[in-house]
Amino acid sequence: MAYTDTPEKDTQIPTNLRLLLILEEVARRGVAVKPSDLIEALGLAKPTIHRLLQTAEAEGFLQRDLDGRSYGPGPRLRQLSVNTVSSEHLRTARLAILRGVADEIGETCNLAIPDREGMIYLDRVETKWPLRIQLPVGTQVPFHCTASGKMYLSTLRQNTLEGYLSARKLHPHTDQTLTDATALREEFKLITQRGYSTDDEEFMAGMAAVAVPVLDENNRLVATLAVHAPTQRRNLGSLTQCLDTLQNGARKLSGLLAP
C-alpha cells in the first residue's frame, strides 16, 4: 500500500502498521538511521517516531548506534531475519544450490551471515572425504581471520570499519593471523578489488578457505558463500581455481532474495 506525502499522512498510516514500517525502513537502508530520516521517509509526526523508536528499542528490535542518536537492528530484529531466511521453502532451494556447489568443487561449502561478534554458519554441505574440518551450522567464527568474515569487513563503511579495528586487540588464532590494523586495511582493499576473500591458515592451522559475497537487490552483502578444505588435500591456490563455481552459486543464492 502506498501513502502520499501529505500533512495528514500520520493519520493515514494505520497505527498497527507504523512500527513495522519503521523496522522495514531501518532494514532497507542497511545503516544506522536517525529519527529525522524516518520522519522524512515516512511522513509521521516527530513525537510518533520517537515514541515508536523507544518502544522498538525497549523490546530489542532496534538498538542505538555509537552516536547515541541513530538506530540500527537490535537482537530480536536480527534473529527475525535469520528465522526468515531459514524458513523451510527457502532453505530447500538454498541447500540445493549449496549442494551443487559442494559437489562440483568436492569440498565442504557453507553459507554464513554476519552477526554482532562474528559470522554465523547458516547452512553447510559437507565433503564426502573422511578427512574434514568440523564447523557445524550455528558455529560463530571471527571476522578478522576467516574468509567469510574478511569479506564482510571489506564491505563496511569506513567509520564503521575503523570502529571495529580500534575497539579491541584482535586475537591471533594462528601464526598466519593478521592482527595489525594497517595490514588488514590493505587486505580489505585487495578483497574489494578482486571480489573474493581468502583464509590461508589464518583461523585454523591446516585449513584454507575462499569466500564470495551473496548480494541483495541493492548490491549489499547479506551472506557469504565459502569453501574450505584441509591444506593436506587442497591448498589456497587450488581453492581459488574454484572461484567461477562459487560466484555462480552466489548469483543463484542472490536470486532467491529477489522480491
C-alpha atoms as a PDB file:
ATOM      1  CA  MET A   1       0.000   0.000   0.000  1.00  0.00           C
ATOM      2  CA  ALA A   2       1.365   3.435  -0.918  1.00  0.00           C
ATOM      3  CA  TYR A   3       0.855   6.533   1.192  1.00  0.00           C
ATOM      4  CA  THR A   4       1.016  10.036  -0.203  1.00  0.00           C
ATOM      5  CA  ASP A   5       3.353  12.552   1.373  1.00  0.00           C
ATOM      6  CA  THR A   6       0.792  14.909   2.942  1.00  0.00           C
ATOM      7  CA  PRO A   7       0.412  16.567   6.367  1.00  0.00           C
ATOM      8  CA  GLU A   8      -2.319  14.036   7.104  1.00  0.00           C
ATOM      9  CA  LYS A   9      -0.023  11.067   6.475  1.00  0.00           C
ATOM     10  CA  ASP A  10       0.332  10.424  10.208  1.00  0.00           C
ATOM     11  CA  THR A  11      -3.371   9.598  10.356  1.00  0.00           C
ATOM     12  CA  GLN A  12      -3.384   7.729   7.034  1.00  0.00           C
ATOM     13  CA  ILE A  13      -0.996   5.005   8.168  1.00  0.00           C
ATOM     14  CA  PRO A  14      -2.802   2.503  10.426  1.00  0.00           C
ATOM     15  CA  THR A  15      -1.454   2.535  13.971  1.00  0.00           C
ATOM     16  CA  ASN A  16      -0.564  -1.154  13.920  1.00  0.00           C
ATOM     17  CA  LEU A  17       1.489  -0.679  10.739  1.00  0.00           C
ATOM     18  CA  ARG A  18       3.666   2.244  11.804  1.00  0.00           C
ATOM     19  CA  LEU A  19       6.239   0.313  13.817  1.00  0.00           C
ATOM     20  CA  LEU A  20       6.546  -2.278  11.057  1.00  0.00           C
ATOM     21  CA  LEU A  21       7.254   0.453   8.519  1.00  0.00           C
ATOM     22  CA  ILE A  22       9.995   1.854  10.771  1.00  0.00           C
ATOM     23  CA  LEU A  23      11.628  -1.568  11.089  1.00  0.00           C
ATOM     24  CA  GLU A  24      11.326  -2.075   7.330  1.00  0.00           C
ATOM     25  CA  GLU A  25      12.992   1.288   6.643  1.00  0.00           C
ATOM     26  CA  VAL A  26      15.875   0.599   9.036  1.00  0.00           C
ATOM     27  CA  ALA A  27      16.438  -2.835   7.470  1.00  0.00           C
ATOM     28  CA  ARG A  28      16.159  -1.432   3.925  1.00  0.00           C
ATOM     29  CA  ARG A  29      18.781   1.272   4.454  1.00  0.00           C
ATOM     30  CA  GLY A  30      21.333  -1.102   5.930  1.00  0.00           C
ATOM     31  CA  VAL A  31      22.926   1.654   8.043  1.00  0.00           C
ATOM     32  CA  ALA A  32      22.076   3.321  11.353  1.00  0.00           C
ATOM     33  CA  VAL A  33      19.110   5.664  10.811  1.00  0.00           C
ATOM     34  CA  LYS A  34      18.373   8.963  12.559  1.00  0.00           C
ATOM     35  CA  PRO A  35      14.817   9.833  13.661  1.00  0.00           C
ATOM     36  CA  SER A  36      14.860  12.781  11.227  1.00  0.00           C
ATOM     37  CA  ASP A  37      15.492  10.323   8.358  1.00  0.00           C
ATOM     38  CA  LEU A  38      12.440   8.307   9.367  1.00  0.00           C
ATOM     39  CA  ILE A  39      10.291  11.426   9.711  1.00  0.00           C
ATOM     40  CA  GLU A  40      11.242  12.426   6.166  1.00  0.00           C
ATOM     41  CA  ALA A  41      10.820   8.933   4.707  1.00  0.00           C
ATOM     42  CA  LEU A  42       7.530   8.028   6.373  1.00  0.00           C
ATOM     43  CA  GLY A  43       5.932  11.428   6.950  1.00  0.00           C
ATOM     44  CA  LEU A  44       4.985  10.575  10.525  1.00  0.00           C
ATOM     45  CA  ALA A  45       4.986  13.223  13.243  1.00  0.00           C
ATOM     46  CA  LYS A  46       8.158  13.667  15.303  1.00  0.00           C
ATOM     47  CA  PRO A  47       6.518  12.597  18.618  1.00  0.00           C
ATOM     48  CA  THR A  48       5.125   9.491  16.914  1.00  0.00           C
ATOM     49  CA  ILE A  49       8.532   8.499  15.522  1.00  0.00           C
ATOM     50  CA  HIS A  50      10.293   8.999  18.857  1.00  0.00           C
ATOM     51  CA  ARG A  51       7.631   7.056  20.755  1.00  0.00           C
ATOM     52  CA  LEU A  52       7.824   4.130  18.348  1.00  0.00           C
ATOM     53  CA  LEU A  53      11.627   4.122  18.394  1.00  0.00           C
ATOM     54  CA  GLN A  54      11.602   3.989  22.185  1.00  0.00           C
ATOM     55  CA  THR A  55       9.211   1.037  22.083  1.00  0.00           C
ATOM     56  CA  ALA A  56      11.301  -0.811  19.471  1.00  0.00           C
ATOM     57  CA  GLU A  57      14.477  -0.192  21.484  1.00  0.00           C
ATOM     58  CA  ALA A  58      12.904  -1.317  24.772  1.00  0.00           C
ATOM     59  CA  GLU A  59      11.694  -4.533  23.145  1.00  0.00           C
ATOM     60  CA  GLY A  60      15.049  -5.278  21.490  1.00  0.00           C
ATOM     61  CA  PHE A  61      14.012  -4.812  17.862  1.00  0.00           C
ATOM     62  CA  LEU A  62      16.244  -1.754  17.440  1.00  0.00           C
ATOM     63  CA  GLN A  63      19.331  -0.556  19.265  1.00  0.00           C
ATOM     64  CA  ARG A  64      21.181   2.740  19.394  1.00  0.00           C
ATOM     65  CA  ASP A  65      24.284   3.247  17.356  1.00  0.00           C
ATOM     66  CA  LEU A  66      27.553   4.592  18.780  1.00  0.00           C
ATOM     67  CA  ASP A  67      26.478   8.211  18.273  1.00  0.00           C
ATOM     68  CA  GLY A  68      23.565   7.698  20.690  1.00  0.00           C
ATOM     69  CA  ARG A  69      21.071   9.202  18.216  1.00  0.00           C
ATOM     70  CA  SER A  70      20.842   6.735  15.340  1.00  0.00           C
ATOM     71  CA  TYR A  71      19.165   3.330  15.384  1.00  0.00           C
ATOM     72  CA  GLY A  72      20.132   0.016  13.835  1.00  0.00           C
ATOM     73  CA  PRO A  73      18.757  -3.544  14.039  1.00  0.00           C
ATOM     74  CA  GLY A  74      18.568  -4.966  17.559  1.00  0.00           C
ATOM     75  CA  PRO A  75      18.954  -8.623  18.581  1.00  0.00           C
ATOM     76  CA  ARG A  76      15.291  -9.508  18.035  1.00  0.00           C
ATOM     77  CA  LEU A  77      15.203  -7.989  14.539  1.00  0.00           C
ATOM     78  CA  ARG A  78      18.438  -9.780  13.620  1.00  0.00           C
ATOM     79  CA  GLN A  79      17.019 -13.067  14.904  1.00  0.00           C
ATOM     80  CA  LEU A  80      13.842 -12.413  12.944  1.00  0.00           C
ATOM     81  CA  SER A  81      15.895 -12.038   9.776  1.00  0.00           C
ATOM     82  CA  VAL A  82      17.726 -15.303  10.485  1.00  0.00           C
ATOM     83  CA  ASN A  83      14.469 -17.133  11.094  1.00  0.00           C
ATOM     84  CA  THR A  84      13.027 -15.683   7.892  1.00  0.00           C
ATOM     85  CA  VAL A  85      15.871 -16.804   5.641  1.00  0.00           C
ATOM     86  CA  SER A  86      15.854 -20.171   7.428  1.00  0.00           C
ATOM     87  CA  SER A  87      12.213 -20.841   6.556  1.00  0.00           C
ATOM     88  CA  GLU A  88      11.702 -24.312   5.088  1.00  0.00           C
ATOM     89  CA  HIS A  89      10.857 -23.415   1.485  1.00  0.00           C
ATOM     90  CA  LEU A  90      13.789 -21.007   1.174  1.00  0.00           C
ATOM     91  CA  ARG A  91      16.168 -23.424   2.859  1.00  0.00           C
ATOM     92  CA  THR A  92      15.234 -26.243   0.497  1.00  0.00           C
ATOM     93  CA  ALA A  93      16.213 -24.185  -2.556  1.00  0.00           C
ATOM     94  CA  ARG A  94      19.268 -22.777  -0.794  1.00  0.00           C
ATOM     95  CA  LEU A  95      20.583 -26.180   0.183  1.00  0.00           C
ATOM     96  CA  ALA A  96      20.093 -27.469  -3.350  1.00  0.00           C
ATOM     97  CA  ILE A  97      22.318 -24.657  -4.661  1.00  0.00           C
ATOM     98  CA  LEU A  98      24.846 -25.181  -1.881  1.00  0.00           C
ATOM     99  CA  ARG A  99      24.954 -28.928  -2.531  1.00  0.00           C
ATOM    100  CA  GLY A 100      25.507 -28.347  -6.244  1.00  0.00           C
ATOM    101  CA  VAL A 101      28.481 -26.077  -5.485  1.00  0.00           C
ATOM    102  CA  ALA A 102      29.943 -28.525  -2.956  1.00  0.00           C
ATOM    103  CA  ASP A 103      29.558 -31.464  -5.340  1.00  0.00           C
ATOM    104  CA  GLU A 104      31.242 -29.598  -8.188  1.00  0.00           C
ATOM    105  CA  ILE A 105      34.173 -28.460  -6.050  1.00  0.00           C
ATOM    106  CA  GLY A 106      34.379 -31.658  -3.997  1.00  0.00           C
ATOM    107  CA  GLU A 107      34.911 -29.844  -0.689  1.00  0.00           C
ATOM    108  CA  THR A 108      32.811 -28.521   2.200  1.00  0.00           C
ATOM    109  CA  CYS A 109      30.836 -25.376   1.384  1.00  0.00           C
ATOM    110  CA  ASN A 110      28.991 -23.115   3.790  1.00  0.00           C
ATOM    111  CA  LEU A 111      26.720 -20.100   3.842  1.00  0.00           C
ATOM    112  CA  ALA A 112      27.430 -17.596   6.619  1.00  0.00           C
ATOM    113  CA  ILE A 113      25.718 -14.409   7.764  1.00  0.00           C
ATOM    114  CA  PRO A 114      27.156 -11.564   9.860  1.00  0.00           C
ATOM    115  CA  ASP A 115      26.197 -11.205  13.499  1.00  0.00           C
ATOM    116  CA  ARG A 116      27.451  -8.697  16.067  1.00  0.00           C
ATOM    117  CA  GLU A 117      30.518 -10.687  17.139  1.00  0.00           C
ATOM    118  CA  GLY A 118      31.341 -12.793  14.092  1.00  0.00           C
ATOM    119  CA  MET A 119      30.000 -14.792  11.173  1.00  0.00           C
ATOM    120  CA  ILE A 120      27.344 -17.441  11.866  1.00  0.00           C
ATOM    121  CA  TYR A 121      27.153 -20.583   9.727  1.00  0.00           C
ATOM    122  CA  LEU A 122      23.584 -20.657   8.429  1.00  0.00           C
ATOM    123  CA  ASP A 123      23.884 -23.696   6.154  1.00  0.00           C
ATOM    124  CA  ARG A 124      26.570 -26.208   5.311  1.00  0.00           C
ATOM    125  CA  VAL A 125      27.172 -29.146   2.977  1.00  0.00           C
ATOM    126  CA  GLU A 126      29.998 -31.476   3.999  1.00  0.00           C
ATOM    127  CA  THR A 127      32.573 -33.014   1.730  1.00  0.00           C
ATOM    128  CA  LYS A 128      32.437 -36.765   1.185  1.00  0.00           C
ATOM    129  CA  TRP A 129      36.116 -37.087   2.086  1.00  0.00           C
ATOM    130  CA  PRO A 130      36.744 -38.728   5.505  1.00  0.00           C
ATOM    131  CA  LEU A 131      39.306 -36.025   6.337  1.00  0.00           C
ATOM    132  CA  ARG A 132      37.206 -32.933   7.014  1.00  0.00           C
ATOM    133  CA  ILE A 133      37.050 -29.919   9.338  1.00  0.00           C
ATOM    134  CA  GLN A 134      34.026 -29.907  11.636  1.00  0.00           C
ATOM    135  CA  LEU A 135      32.382 -26.477  11.888  1.00  0.00           C
ATOM    136  CA  PRO A 136      28.649 -27.237  12.190  1.00  0.00           C
ATOM    137  CA  VAL A 137      25.658 -24.993  11.437  1.00  0.00           C
ATOM    138  CA  GLY A 138      25.329 -22.379  14.172  1.00  0.00           C
ATOM    139  CA  THR A 139      29.084 -22.059  14.701  1.00  0.00           C
ATOM    140  CA  GLN A 140      30.264 -18.465  15.118  1.00  0.00           C
ATOM    141  CA  VAL A 141      33.697 -17.643  13.677  1.00  0.00           C
ATOM    142  CA  PRO A 142      35.717 -14.406  13.957  1.00  0.00           C
ATOM    143  CA  PHE A 143      35.554 -11.621  11.405  1.00  0.00           C
ATOM    144  CA  HIS A 144      39.225 -10.725  11.088  1.00  0.00           C
ATOM    145  CA  CYS A 145      40.773 -14.118  10.325  1.00  0.00           C
ATOM    146  CA  THR A 146      38.198 -16.025   8.267  1.00  0.00           C
ATOM    147  CA  ALA A 147      37.441 -15.725   4.559  1.00  0.00           C
ATOM    148  CA  SER A 148      33.758 -15.021   5.236  1.00  0.00           C
ATOM    149  CA  GLY A 149      34.489 -12.523   7.987  1.00  0.00           C
ATOM    150  CA  LYS A 150      37.055 -10.585   5.978  1.00  0.00           C
ATOM    151  CA  MET A 151      34.652 -10.491   3.035  1.00  0.00           C
ATOM    152  CA  TYR A 152      32.063  -8.878   5.316  1.00  0.00           C
ATOM    153  CA  LEU A 153      34.504  -6.406   6.879  1.00  0.00           C
ATOM    154  CA  SER A 154      35.640  -5.268   3.433  1.00  0.00           C
ATOM    155  CA  THR A 155      32.079  -4.040   2.705  1.00  0.00           C
ATOM    156  CA  LEU A 156      31.717  -1.864   5.814  1.00  0.00           C
ATOM    157  CA  ARG A 157      31.641   1.914   5.712  1.00  0.00           C
ATOM    158  CA  GLN A 158      34.998   3.445   6.608  1.00  0.00           C
ATOM    159  CA  ASN A 159      33.937   4.808  10.001  1.00  0.00           C
ATOM    160  CA  THR A 160      32.296   1.516  10.957  1.00  0.00           C
ATOM    161  CA  LEU A 161      35.393  -0.439   9.947  1.00  0.00           C
ATOM    162  CA  GLU A 162      37.660   1.895  11.889  1.00  0.00           C
ATOM    163  CA  GLY A 163      35.440   1.493  14.928  1.00  0.00           C
ATOM    164  CA  TYR A 164      35.818  -2.266  14.688  1.00  0.00           C
ATOM    165  CA  LEU A 165      39.590  -2.168  14.198  1.00  0.00           C
ATOM    166  CA  SER A 166      40.117   0.186  17.140  1.00  0.00           C
ATOM    167  CA  ALA A 167      37.624  -1.395  19.540  1.00  0.00           C
ATOM    168  CA  ARG A 168      39.903  -4.086  20.947  1.00  0.00           C
ATOM    169  CA  LYS A 169      43.019  -6.103  20.314  1.00  0.00           C
ATOM    170  CA  LEU A 170      42.495  -8.733  17.638  1.00  0.00           C
ATOM    171  CA  HIS A 171      43.315 -12.266  18.736  1.00  0.00           C
ATOM    172  CA  PRO A 172      45.912 -14.235  16.707  1.00  0.00           C
ATOM    173  CA  HIS A 173      44.402 -17.689  16.141  1.00  0.00           C
ATOM    174  CA  THR A 174      47.491 -18.954  14.276  1.00  0.00           C
ATOM    175  CA  ASP A 175      50.902 -17.660  13.260  1.00  0.00           C
ATOM    176  CA  GLN A 176      49.307 -16.519   9.991  1.00  0.00           C
ATOM    177  CA  THR A 177      46.555 -14.366  11.525  1.00  0.00           C
ATOM    178  CA  LEU A 178      46.634 -10.700  10.551  1.00  0.00           C
ATOM    179  CA  THR A 179      46.121  -8.561  13.661  1.00  0.00           C
ATOM    180  CA  ASP A 180      47.739  -5.313  12.510  1.00  0.00           C
ATOM    181  CA  ALA A 181      45.121  -2.733  11.506  1.00  0.00           C
ATOM    182  CA  THR A 182      47.221  -1.340   8.665  1.00  0.00           C
ATOM    183  CA  ALA A 183      47.794  -4.793   7.182  1.00  0.00           C
ATOM    184  CA  LEU A 184      44.083  -5.588   7.442  1.00  0.00           C
ATOM    185  CA  ARG A 185      43.118  -2.339   5.717  1.00  0.00           C
ATOM    186  CA  GLU A 186      45.351  -3.298   2.794  1.00  0.00           C
ATOM    187  CA  GLU A 187      43.807  -6.772   2.774  1.00  0.00           C
ATOM    188  CA  PHE A 188      40.294  -5.288   2.611  1.00  0.00           C
ATOM    189  CA  LYS A 189      41.282  -3.054  -0.307  1.00  0.00           C
ATOM    190  CA  LEU A 190      42.540  -6.121  -2.157  1.00  0.00           C
ATOM    191  CA  ILE A 191      39.323  -8.025  -1.394  1.00  0.00           C
ATOM    192  CA  THR A 192      37.236  -5.134  -2.743  1.00  0.00           C
ATOM    193  CA  GLN A 193      39.295  -5.025  -5.937  1.00  0.00           C
ATOM    194  CA  ARG A 194      39.191  -8.735  -6.727  1.00  0.00           C
ATOM    195  CA  GLY A 195      35.726  -9.592  -5.353  1.00  0.00           C
ATOM    196  CA  TYR A 196      36.683 -12.522  -3.130  1.00  0.00           C
ATOM    197  CA  SER A 197      38.490 -13.153   0.157  1.00  0.00           C
ATOM    198  CA  THR A 198      40.782 -15.871   1.444  1.00  0.00           C
ATOM    199  CA  ASP A 199      41.911 -17.561   4.632  1.00  0.00           C
ATOM    200  CA  ASP A 200      45.378 -19.068   4.315  1.00  0.00           C
ATOM    201  CA  GLU A 201      45.604 -20.924   7.647  1.00  0.00           C
ATOM    202  CA  GLU A 202      44.717 -17.685   9.459  1.00  0.00           C
ATOM    203  CA  PHE A 203      41.840 -19.053  11.533  1.00  0.00           C
ATOM    204  CA  MET A 204      42.907 -22.665  11.874  1.00  0.00           C
ATOM    205  CA  ALA A 205      46.281 -24.237  11.117  1.00  0.00           C
ATOM    206  CA  GLY A 206      45.958 -26.688   8.239  1.00  0.00           C
ATOM    207  CA  MET A 207      42.807 -25.099   6.760  1.00  0.00           C
ATOM    208  CA  ALA A 208      42.424 -22.878   3.699  1.00  0.00           C
ATOM    209  CA  ALA A 209      39.237 -21.144   2.541  1.00  0.00           C
ATOM    210  CA  VAL A 210      37.843 -18.843  -0.135  1.00  0.00           C
ATOM    211  CA  ALA A 211      34.635 -16.779   0.161  1.00  0.00           C
ATOM    212  CA  VAL A 212      32.495 -14.685  -2.186  1.00  0.00           C
ATOM    213  CA  PRO A 213      29.613 -12.328  -1.338  1.00  0.00           C
ATOM    214  CA  VAL A 214      25.919 -13.081  -1.696  1.00  0.00           C
ATOM    215  CA  LEU A 215      24.283  -9.749  -2.550  1.00  0.00           C
ATOM    216  CA  ASP A 216      20.735  -8.448  -2.300  1.00  0.00           C
ATOM    217  CA  GLU A 217      18.892  -6.378  -4.916  1.00  0.00           C
ATOM    218  CA  ASN A 218      20.622  -3.240  -3.581  1.00  0.00           C
ATOM    219  CA  ASN A 219      24.056  -4.819  -4.092  1.00  0.00           C
ATOM    220  CA  ARG A 220      24.607  -5.163  -0.339  1.00  0.00           C
ATOM    221  CA  LEU A 221      26.228  -8.188   1.242  1.00  0.00           C
ATOM    222  CA  VAL A 222      23.700 -10.326   3.103  1.00  0.00           C
ATOM    223  CA  ALA A 223      25.749 -13.519   3.352  1.00  0.00           C
ATOM    224  CA  THR A 224      28.927 -15.194   2.147  1.00  0.00           C
ATOM    225  CA  LEU A 225      29.383 -18.417   0.231  1.00  0.00           C
ATOM    226  CA  ALA A 226      32.651 -20.141   1.092  1.00  0.00           C
ATOM    227  CA  VAL A 227      34.586 -23.337   0.518  1.00  0.00           C
ATOM    228  CA  HIS A 228      37.212 -24.671   2.897  1.00  0.00           C
ATOM    229  CA  ALA A 229      39.435 -27.716   2.971  1.00  0.00           C
ATOM    230  CA  PRO A 230      42.399 -29.244   4.814  1.00  0.00           C
ATOM    231  CA  THR A 231      45.626 -27.994   3.247  1.00  0.00           C
ATOM    232  CA  GLN A 232      46.800 -31.619   3.152  1.00  0.00           C
ATOM    233  CA  ARG A 233      44.340 -32.061   0.288  1.00  0.00           C
ATOM    234  CA  ARG A 234      43.712 -28.576  -1.216  1.00  0.00           C
ATOM    235  CA  ASN A 235      45.911 -25.540  -0.691  1.00  0.00           C
ATOM    236  CA  LEU A 236      44.723 -21.966  -1.165  1.00  0.00           C
ATOM    237  CA  GLY A 237      45.884 -21.829  -4.768  1.00  0.00           C
ATOM    238  CA  SER A 238      43.833 -24.907  -5.575  1.00  0.00           C
ATOM    239  CA  LEU A 239      40.704 -23.467  -3.943  1.00  0.00           C
ATOM    240  CA  THR A 240      40.947 -20.149  -5.794  1.00  0.00           C
ATOM    241  CA  GLN A 241      40.640 -22.118  -9.026  1.00  0.00           C
ATOM    242  CA  CYS A 242      37.039 -22.817  -7.930  1.00  0.00           C
ATOM    243  CA  LEU A 243      36.032 -19.131  -7.990  1.00  0.00           C
ATOM    244  CA  ASP A 244      33.795 -19.440 -11.052  1.00  0.00           C
ATOM    245  CA  THR A 245      31.768 -22.166  -9.354  1.00  0.00           C
ATOM    246  CA  LEU A 246      31.490 -20.170  -6.117  1.00  0.00           C
ATOM    247  CA  GLN A 247      30.474 -16.975  -7.890  1.00  0.00           C
ATOM    248  CA  ASN A 248      27.887 -18.779  -9.980  1.00  0.00           C
ATOM    249  CA  GLY A 249      26.442 -20.298  -6.807  1.00  0.00           C
ATOM    250  CA  ALA A 250      26.407 -16.883  -5.124  1.00  0.00           C
ATOM    251  CA  ARG A 251      24.438 -15.417  -8.041  1.00  0.00           C
ATOM    252  CA  LYS A 252      21.861 -18.193  -7.747  1.00  0.00           C
ATOM    253  CA  LEU A 253      21.567 -17.587  -3.996  1.00  0.00           C
ATOM    254  CA  SER A 254      21.114 -13.861  -4.632  1.00  0.00           C
ATOM    255  CA  GLY A 255      18.278 -14.757  -6.978  1.00  0.00           C
ATOM    256  CA  LEU A 256      16.407 -16.347  -4.080  1.00  0.00           C
ATOM    257  CA  LEU A 257      16.401 -12.953  -2.330  1.00  0.00           C
ATOM    258  CA  ALA A 258      14.658 -11.148  -5.180  1.00  0.00           C
ATOM    259  CA  PRO A 259      11.254  -9.743  -4.156  1.00  0.00           C
END
